[in-house]
Amino acid sequence: MLRTILIGSSVSIQGVFERQLECGRILVRVGDTLFAGRPVSA
């Protein structure tokens, strides 16, 4: 499932959902790289 996250105040990344972290952020995978950020609500 594709999810979009925010990194910082204006950078958004869309990737394949990996897992949710304890702090409320989520991990998404883009190729071989994992990114953590705040989820964007629909």
C-alpha atoms as a PDB file:
ATOM      1  CA  MET A   1       0.000   0.000   0.000  1.00  0.00           C
ATOM      2  CA  LEU A   2       1.393   3.413  -0.947  1.00  0.00           C
ATOM      3  CA  ARG A   3       1.626   6.035   1.803  1.00  0.00           C
ATOM      4  CA  THR A   4       2.790   9.636   1.826  1.00  0.00           C
ATOM      5  CA  ILE A   5       4.905  11.096   4.619  1.00  0.00           C
ATOM      6  CA  LEU A   6       6.199  14.560   5.481  1.00  0.00           C
ATOM      7  CA  ILE A   7       9.853  15.105   6.287  1.00  0.00           C
ATOM      8  CA  GLY A   8      10.462  18.539   7.720  1.00  0.00           C
ATOM      9  CA  SER A   9       7.945  21.233   6.863  1.00  0.00           C
ATOM     10  CA  SER A  10       7.663  20.923   3.084  1.00  0.00           C
ATOM     11  CA  VAL A  11       9.273  17.716   1.779  1.00  0.00           C
ATOM     12  CA  SER A  12       6.871  14.865   1.073  1.00  0.00           C
ATOM     13  CA  ILE A  13       7.780  11.322   0.030  1.00  0.00           C
ATOM     14  CA  GLN A  14       5.489   8.637  -1.319  1.00  0.00           C
ATOM     15  CA  GLY A  15       6.474   4.994  -0.984  1.00  0.00           C
ATOM     16  CA  VAL A  16       5.424   1.517   0.043  1.00  0.00           C
ATOM     17  CA  PHE A  17       4.317   1.320   3.692  1.00  0.00           C
ATOM     18  CA  GLU A  18       6.696  -0.745   5.854  1.00  0.00           C
ATOM     19  CA  ARG A  19       5.640  -0.236   9.486  1.00  0.00           C
ATOM     20  CA  GLN A  20       4.558   2.273  12.110  1.00  0.00           C
ATOM     21  CA  LEU A  21       7.052   3.404  14.714  1.00  0.00           C
ATOM     22  CA  GLU A  22       6.280   3.820  18.423  1.00  0.00           C
ATOM     23  CA  CYS A  23       6.665   7.612  18.184  1.00  0.00           C
ATOM     24  CA  GLY A  24       3.797   7.888  15.661  1.00  0.00           C
ATOM     25  CA  ARG A  25       5.935   8.206  12.551  1.00  0.00           C
ATOM     26  CA  ILE A  26       5.828   5.605   9.765  1.00  0.00           C
ATOM     27  CA  LEU A  27       8.447   4.018   7.528  1.00  0.00           C
ATOM     28  CA  VAL A  28       8.045   3.922   3.757  1.00  0.00           C
ATOM     29  CA  ARG A  29      10.301   2.193   1.248  1.00  0.00           C
ATOM     30  CA  VAL A  30      11.425   3.821  -1.994  1.00  0.00           C
ATOM     31  CA  GLY A  31      13.572   1.335  -3.881  1.00  0.00           C
ATOM     32  CA  ASP A  32      16.124   0.093  -1.340  1.00  0.00           C
ATOM     33  CA  THR A  33      15.869   3.135   0.936  1.00  0.00           C
ATOM     34  CA  LEU A  34      13.663   3.534   4.016  1.00  0.00           C
ATOM     35  CA  PHE A  35      12.333   6.956   5.031  1.00  0.00           C
ATOM     36  CA  ALA A  36      10.659   7.872   8.328  1.00  0.00           C
ATOM     37  CA  GLY A  37       8.244  10.757   8.664  1.00  0.00           C
ATOM     38  CA  ARG A  38       4.850  11.974   9.780  1.00  0.00           C
ATOM     39  CA  PRO A  39       1.933  10.396   7.867  1.00  0.00           C
ATOM     40  CA  VAL A  40      -0.182  12.669   5.660  1.00  0.00           C
ATOM     41  CA  SER A  41      -3.911  12.244   6.278  1.00  0.00           C
ATOM     42  CA  ALA A  42      -6.213  11.678   3.313  1.00  0.00           C
END
